[in-house]
Amino acid sequence: MLRDQLKGELVLPSDPGYQLAKQLQNTEYDAISPSGIAYCHSPKDVVACVRHAQEAGVPAHVRGGGHSYNGWSTGTGLVIDVSRMNHAVAEGPTVRIGGGVQSLDALDALAPQGRQIISGTFPTVGQGGFLTGGGLGWQTRKFGVGCDRIVSAQVVLADGRVVRASADENPDLYWALRGGGGGNFGVVTEFELRPVDAPRLTGFETLWSYDDAANVLVAWQNWAVEGSEDLGTSLVVLPGMFGPGGRPVVKIWGVHHGLPEDLERALDELTERACTKPMHREVGAPGPYADVMHEALCGSKTVQQCHRTGTHPDAEGHRHPYTRQAYRLTGRAANLAEADALLQAWNPDLDGERYLLCMALGGAANRVDRAETAYVHRDAQFLTGFQRATRDDELAAQAPAEYDRWADNCRQALAPLAVGSYINFPNSRVPAEWESEYHGENAPRLGEIKRAYDPDGFFRHAQSLGEATPAG
């Protein structure tokens, strides 16, 4: 019996903790009921799960932080959960992290050791999926894509072997794990990373009137592309439910790796480019990297409070409601007409919760050859996309067609700027050409490596390599 083979915990549908154990970050996938959830504590536990699933003929679903937009880390089979493999330790010139460690926990654990790593812009994202998909965040311009800093990975393969992937051992697998997407080649139980040299940061936030949204969007994008690589920044257009006086608002925020006075000058320049002043501008005090990132991601919450509700007695972190999204990687700043088209697709007259989001990329990430890693998008300057959500459970259960139509329109608005798609931010309705959008000219080599390491397609999800039909 699998339970007897595990050092970790196996949760079955009849067990008291099952309803919580099967949750992902998005509430939409609560309707899916796995045959079991195995919380693995070691590579040996993962091997036992893989062999059990093979022998029992049940699908395996690999889960770290549970943040897959399209629910790829769950299903009706056995969920192999690596979230309890969550160590983060500095060893010599590198850092070792568990395949399931979440961003905020890694930042917190490494802070006393004087080391830090690249993380995303949501605190509870698991590093395993983040890194194997590429790894984009506010550090991208300064330090490159997260997967560029992988030195080695420990991986459990479909045949039950535990192997090391590095430049010297299984180099083809090492190449593929750096951007080929999670849940494709095996279960990564540990990463060895080159840390980033970022001892201190300064956080900032500005709010702008929606009346100036098109000009601000264009100004921000040009400012980000042409500005210092010390700047990590995002822009989001928020609906009236989050804006002052019930009006939509544009928020620009992020972190700066350089001197505070350089950040102040940069924000002055943004104001000049936008030809209007922000409604609000706040620059924090410089502080340790982990502290500033934590405040930007969690506000005043403690580390435990910032975790997803239910996962810890003190956890208060929210879950995401039913959501439809359209995301593309874009290769240049939008002009005014294109910015207007993006805002019209977002639709200021629409009621409810929806967002237009942009994250500045480029910089160090684009000084790597497209074929050097599986992550191919070395010409991308922005991750740009739209999300629309509803917290009405009855409406969500109907899978409203208008939400899909909205996302389709948003995707069309992004098309003139698009240079590809990022597998960690997939579209809700993925087109037939999804594999080339994710992987470009690297797709054929990724397919070969998939067949070499997982010839029977044991590791699979709706958009895993070799799947012929996209999820609709």
Foldseek 3Di string as FASTA:
>chain_A
DLQVQAPWHKAAPVDPCQLVQQDALEPLCSVAHARIETAHQDLSSQLSVLVVCVVVVFAEFEEALRHQPQRRRDHHYYRHYDLNLADWADDPQKIKGFQRHWQLSNLVRCLVVQFAAAAAQAGRDGVNQCQQQFHDHLLCQPPNTRVVFWAKWWFQFSVSDTFIEHCVGVPLVSQNSRRVGPLQQGRTGMTIGRTDDQFKKKKKKFKAAVVLQLLLQLLVQVLLVPDDSQGWKKKKWWALVPDPPSHIMIMMIGMGRDDPVVVVVSVVSSCVSSVHGTPDIDMGDMDTPSVNSCCSNPNPDDSQCCDDPPPDPNHPHHGAYQKFKAKFFFQGRDDSVLSVQLVVLQPNPDDATKMKMKTAHAHPNLVDDLSSHQQRPSRGGIIIMMMGHDPPVVVSVVVDVVRVVSNVSNNVSCVVGGDAHRSSDHGNFADQCNQCRSGPPSLVSSLVSSCVRPVPRSRDGQPHRPRRDHDD
